[in-house]
Amino acid sequence: MKLLNIGFGNMVNADRIIGIVSPDSAPIKRLVQDAREKGALIDASYGRRTQAVLIMDSDHVILSGIPLESLTGRANEETEEKRK
């Protein structure tokens, strides 16, 4: 199990991430709202502006205050290490 640091001391299982997306589009905003309503939203942004949304295979949605580019870079590093 590889853990991905999503900021502020929070980690998620990198193997269970389906996608990391920007929070700006209307479909993602609806996805976040739907997850909030059904209790599947995890807000790991610590009150900061949400800069990335992680979609998990368990139907959970995680909000992160770390920029999207940083998270995808970290995820790519995990993938490269896994291939070695």
N, C-alpha and C. Protein backbone atom coordinates (compact mmCIF):
# COMPACT_ATOMS: atom_id res chain seq x y z
N MET A 1 0.85 -1.18 0.00
CA MET A 1 0.00 0.00 0.00
C MET A 1 0.89 1.24 0.00
N LYS A 2 0.70 2.09 -0.97
CA LYS A 2 1.43 3.35 -1.07
C LYS A 2 0.52 4.48 -0.61
N LEU A 3 1.02 5.33 0.26
CA LEU A 3 0.26 6.46 0.76
C LEU A 3 0.68 7.73 0.03
N LEU A 4 -0.30 8.53 -0.33
CA LEU A 4 -0.06 9.80 -1.01
C LEU A 4 -0.38 10.93 -0.04
N ASN A 5 0.59 11.82 0.16
CA ASN A 5 0.40 12.97 1.04
C ASN A 5 -0.47 13.99 0.31
N ILE A 6 -1.64 14.28 0.88
CA ILE A 6 -2.55 15.25 0.26
C ILE A 6 -2.54 16.58 1.01
N GLY A 7 -1.55 16.76 1.86
CA GLY A 7 -1.36 18.03 2.55
C GLY A 7 -1.80 18.03 3.99
N PHE A 8 -1.11 18.84 4.77
CA PHE A 8 -1.43 19.09 6.17
C PHE A 8 -1.44 17.81 7.00
N GLY A 9 -0.54 16.89 6.69
CA GLY A 9 -0.42 15.66 7.45
C GLY A 9 -1.43 14.59 7.09
N ASN A 10 -2.19 14.77 6.03
CA ASN A 10 -3.19 13.80 5.62
C ASN A 10 -2.65 12.91 4.51
N MET A 11 -2.97 11.64 4.60
CA MET A 11 -2.51 10.66 3.61
C MET A 11 -3.70 9.85 3.12
N VAL A 12 -3.63 9.42 1.84
CA VAL A 12 -4.64 8.52 1.29
C VAL A 12 -3.93 7.37 0.59
N ASN A 13 -4.61 6.27 0.47
CA ASN A 13 -4.07 5.11 -0.23
C ASN A 13 -4.04 5.44 -1.73
N ALA A 14 -2.85 5.54 -2.30
CA ALA A 14 -2.69 5.93 -3.70
C ALA A 14 -3.30 4.90 -4.65
N ASP A 15 -3.38 3.65 -4.24
CA ASP A 15 -3.92 2.60 -5.10
C ASP A 15 -5.44 2.71 -5.26
N ARG A 16 -6.10 3.47 -4.40
CA ARG A 16 -7.55 3.56 -4.43
C ARG A 16 -8.07 4.83 -5.09
N ILE A 17 -7.15 5.66 -5.61
CA ILE A 17 -7.53 6.90 -6.27
C ILE A 17 -7.95 6.60 -7.70
N ILE A 18 -9.13 7.06 -8.08
CA ILE A 18 -9.58 6.95 -9.46
C ILE A 18 -9.12 8.17 -10.26
N GLY A 19 -9.24 9.35 -9.66
CA GLY A 19 -8.85 10.56 -10.37
C GLY A 19 -8.59 11.72 -9.43
N ILE A 20 -7.76 12.65 -9.92
CA ILE A 20 -7.50 13.91 -9.21
C ILE A 20 -7.88 15.00 -10.19
N VAL A 21 -8.87 15.82 -9.83
CA VAL A 21 -9.41 16.79 -10.76
C VAL A 21 -9.49 18.18 -10.13
N SER A 22 -9.64 19.17 -10.99
CA SER A 22 -9.81 20.55 -10.57
C SER A 22 -11.23 20.76 -10.04
N PRO A 23 -11.40 21.58 -9.02
CA PRO A 23 -12.73 21.77 -8.43
C PRO A 23 -13.57 22.84 -9.13
N ASP A 24 -13.10 23.39 -10.24
CA ASP A 24 -13.73 24.57 -10.83
C ASP A 24 -14.93 24.30 -11.73
N SER A 25 -15.04 23.12 -12.32
CA SER A 25 -16.12 22.88 -13.28
C SER A 25 -17.44 22.56 -12.57
N ALA A 26 -18.52 22.84 -13.25
CA ALA A 26 -19.86 22.59 -12.68
C ALA A 26 -20.10 21.11 -12.37
N PRO A 27 -19.69 20.17 -13.24
CA PRO A 27 -19.92 18.76 -12.89
C PRO A 27 -19.18 18.32 -11.62
N ILE A 28 -17.99 18.84 -11.40
CA ILE A 28 -17.24 18.48 -10.19
C ILE A 28 -17.89 19.13 -8.97
N LYS A 29 -18.37 20.34 -9.12
CA LYS A 29 -19.09 20.99 -8.01
C LYS A 29 -20.32 20.18 -7.63
N ARG A 30 -21.05 19.65 -8.63
CA ARG A 30 -22.21 18.80 -8.35
C ARG A 30 -21.79 17.50 -7.67
N LEU A 31 -20.68 16.92 -8.14
CA LEU A 31 -20.16 15.70 -7.53
C LEU A 31 -19.82 15.91 -6.06
N VAL A 32 -19.18 17.03 -5.76
CA VAL A 32 -18.83 17.37 -4.37
C VAL A 32 -20.09 17.56 -3.54
N GLN A 33 -21.07 18.27 -4.08
CA GLN A 33 -22.32 18.51 -3.35
C GLN A 33 -23.07 17.20 -3.10
N ASP A 34 -23.11 16.33 -4.09
CA ASP A 34 -23.77 15.03 -3.92
C ASP A 34 -23.07 14.20 -2.85
N ALA A 35 -21.73 14.22 -2.85
CA ALA A 35 -20.97 13.48 -1.84
C ALA A 35 -21.23 14.06 -0.45
N ARG A 36 -21.34 15.38 -0.36
CA ARG A 36 -21.63 16.03 0.93
C ARG A 36 -22.99 15.58 1.45
N GLU A 37 -23.97 15.54 0.57
CA GLU A 37 -25.33 15.16 0.97
C GLU A 37 -25.43 13.71 1.43
N LYS A 38 -24.67 12.83 0.82
CA LYS A 38 -24.75 11.42 1.22
C LYS A 38 -23.70 11.03 2.26
N GLY A 39 -22.93 12.00 2.74
CA GLY A 39 -21.97 11.75 3.81
C GLY A 39 -20.68 11.08 3.36
N ALA A 40 -20.34 11.23 2.10
CA ALA A 40 -19.14 10.60 1.56
C ALA A 40 -18.06 11.62 1.21
N LEU A 41 -18.16 12.84 1.75
CA LEU A 41 -17.19 13.89 1.49
C LEU A 41 -16.21 13.98 2.65
N ILE A 42 -14.94 14.04 2.32
CA ILE A 42 -13.89 14.23 3.33
C ILE A 42 -13.19 15.53 2.98
N ASP A 43 -13.28 16.51 3.87
CA ASP A 43 -12.67 17.81 3.63
C ASP A 43 -11.32 17.86 4.33
N ALA A 44 -10.25 17.70 3.54
CA ALA A 44 -8.89 17.73 4.07
C ALA A 44 -8.19 19.02 3.68
N SER A 45 -8.98 20.07 3.43
CA SER A 45 -8.40 21.35 2.99
C SER A 45 -8.04 22.26 4.17
N TYR A 46 -8.48 21.90 5.37
CA TYR A 46 -8.19 22.67 6.59
C TYR A 46 -8.61 24.12 6.46
N GLY A 47 -9.77 24.36 5.87
CA GLY A 47 -10.31 25.71 5.76
C GLY A 47 -9.73 26.53 4.64
N ARG A 48 -8.78 26.00 3.94
CA ARG A 48 -8.21 26.72 2.80
C ARG A 48 -9.08 26.49 1.57
N ARG A 49 -8.79 27.25 0.54
CA ARG A 49 -9.52 27.10 -0.72
C ARG A 49 -9.21 25.73 -1.31
N THR A 50 -10.24 25.02 -1.75
CA THR A 50 -10.05 23.70 -2.36
C THR A 50 -9.38 23.87 -3.71
N GLN A 51 -8.24 23.20 -3.89
CA GLN A 51 -7.49 23.30 -5.14
C GLN A 51 -7.46 22.00 -5.91
N ALA A 52 -7.88 20.91 -5.27
CA ALA A 52 -7.91 19.61 -5.95
C ALA A 52 -8.99 18.75 -5.30
N VAL A 53 -9.61 17.91 -6.13
CA VAL A 53 -10.63 16.98 -5.66
C VAL A 53 -10.16 15.58 -6.03
N LEU A 54 -10.08 14.70 -5.04
CA LEU A 54 -9.68 13.31 -5.28
C LEU A 54 -10.94 12.45 -5.28
N ILE A 55 -11.07 11.64 -6.30
CA ILE A 55 -12.20 10.73 -6.41
C ILE A 55 -11.68 9.33 -6.13
N MET A 56 -12.27 8.68 -5.13
CA MET A 56 -11.79 7.38 -4.68
C MET A 56 -12.69 6.26 -5.21
N ASP A 57 -12.15 5.04 -5.22
CA ASP A 57 -12.93 3.90 -5.72
C ASP A 57 -14.03 3.47 -4.75
N SER A 58 -14.03 4.02 -3.55
CA SER A 58 -15.05 3.70 -2.54
C SER A 58 -16.21 4.69 -2.60
N ASP A 59 -16.28 5.51 -3.63
CA ASP A 59 -17.28 6.56 -3.82
C ASP A 59 -17.10 7.73 -2.86
N HIS A 60 -15.97 7.80 -2.18
CA HIS A 60 -15.67 8.96 -1.36
C HIS A 60 -15.05 10.04 -2.24
N VAL A 61 -15.26 11.28 -1.84
CA VAL A 61 -14.68 12.43 -2.52
C VAL A 61 -13.89 13.19 -1.46
N ILE A 62 -12.62 13.49 -1.78
CA ILE A 62 -11.74 14.15 -0.83
C ILE A 62 -11.33 15.50 -1.38
N LEU A 63 -11.46 16.54 -0.56
CA LEU A 63 -11.05 17.88 -0.94
C LEU A 63 -9.67 18.17 -0.37
N SER A 64 -8.79 18.75 -1.20
CA SER A 64 -7.44 19.06 -0.75
C SER A 64 -7.12 20.52 -1.04
N GLY A 65 -6.38 21.15 -0.15
CA GLY A 65 -5.93 22.52 -0.33
C GLY A 65 -4.61 22.62 -1.05
N ILE A 66 -4.05 21.48 -1.45
CA ILE A 66 -2.78 21.44 -2.18
C ILE A 66 -3.09 21.57 -3.68
N PRO A 67 -2.30 22.36 -4.42
CA PRO A 67 -2.57 22.53 -5.86
C PRO A 67 -2.60 21.20 -6.63
N LEU A 68 -3.44 21.16 -7.63
CA LEU A 68 -3.63 19.98 -8.46
C LEU A 68 -2.31 19.48 -9.04
N GLU A 69 -1.48 20.39 -9.53
CA GLU A 69 -0.21 20.01 -10.14
C GLU A 69 0.72 19.32 -9.15
N SER A 70 0.71 19.80 -7.91
CA SER A 70 1.55 19.19 -6.87
C SER A 70 1.09 17.77 -6.56
N LEU A 71 -0.22 17.58 -6.45
CA LEU A 71 -0.75 16.25 -6.14
C LEU A 71 -0.49 15.27 -7.28
N THR A 72 -0.69 15.72 -8.52
CA THR A 72 -0.46 14.81 -9.64
C THR A 72 1.03 14.48 -9.75
N GLY A 73 1.89 15.44 -9.44
CA GLY A 73 3.33 15.17 -9.42
C GLY A 73 3.69 14.14 -8.37
N ARG A 74 3.12 14.26 -7.19
CA ARG A 74 3.36 13.29 -6.12
C ARG A 74 2.83 11.91 -6.51
N ALA A 75 1.66 11.88 -7.14
CA ALA A 75 1.07 10.60 -7.56
C ALA A 75 1.94 9.95 -8.64
N ASN A 76 2.46 10.76 -9.55
CA ASN A 76 3.34 10.22 -10.59
C ASN A 76 4.63 9.67 -10.01
N GLU A 77 5.17 10.33 -8.99
CA GLU A 77 6.37 9.82 -8.31
C GLU A 77 6.09 8.46 -7.69
N GLU A 78 4.91 8.31 -7.08
CA GLU A 78 4.53 7.03 -6.48
C GLU A 78 4.45 5.95 -7.56
N THR A 79 3.89 6.30 -8.72
CA THR A 79 3.75 5.34 -9.81
C THR A 79 5.12 4.91 -10.34
N GLU A 80 6.03 5.87 -10.47
CA GLU A 80 7.38 5.57 -10.96
C GLU A 80 8.12 4.65 -9.98
N GLU A 81 7.97 4.91 -8.68
CA GLU A 81 8.62 4.07 -7.67
C GLU A 81 8.03 2.66 -7.71
N LYS A 82 6.75 2.56 -7.97
CA LYS A 82 6.09 1.26 -8.02
C LYS A 82 6.60 0.42 -9.18
N ARG A 83 6.94 1.06 -10.29
CA ARG A 83 7.41 0.36 -11.48
C ARG A 83 8.82 -0.19 -11.32
N LYS A 84 9.60 0.40 -10.42
CA LYS A 84 11.01 -0.03 -10.24
C LYS A 84 11.12 -1.35 -9.54
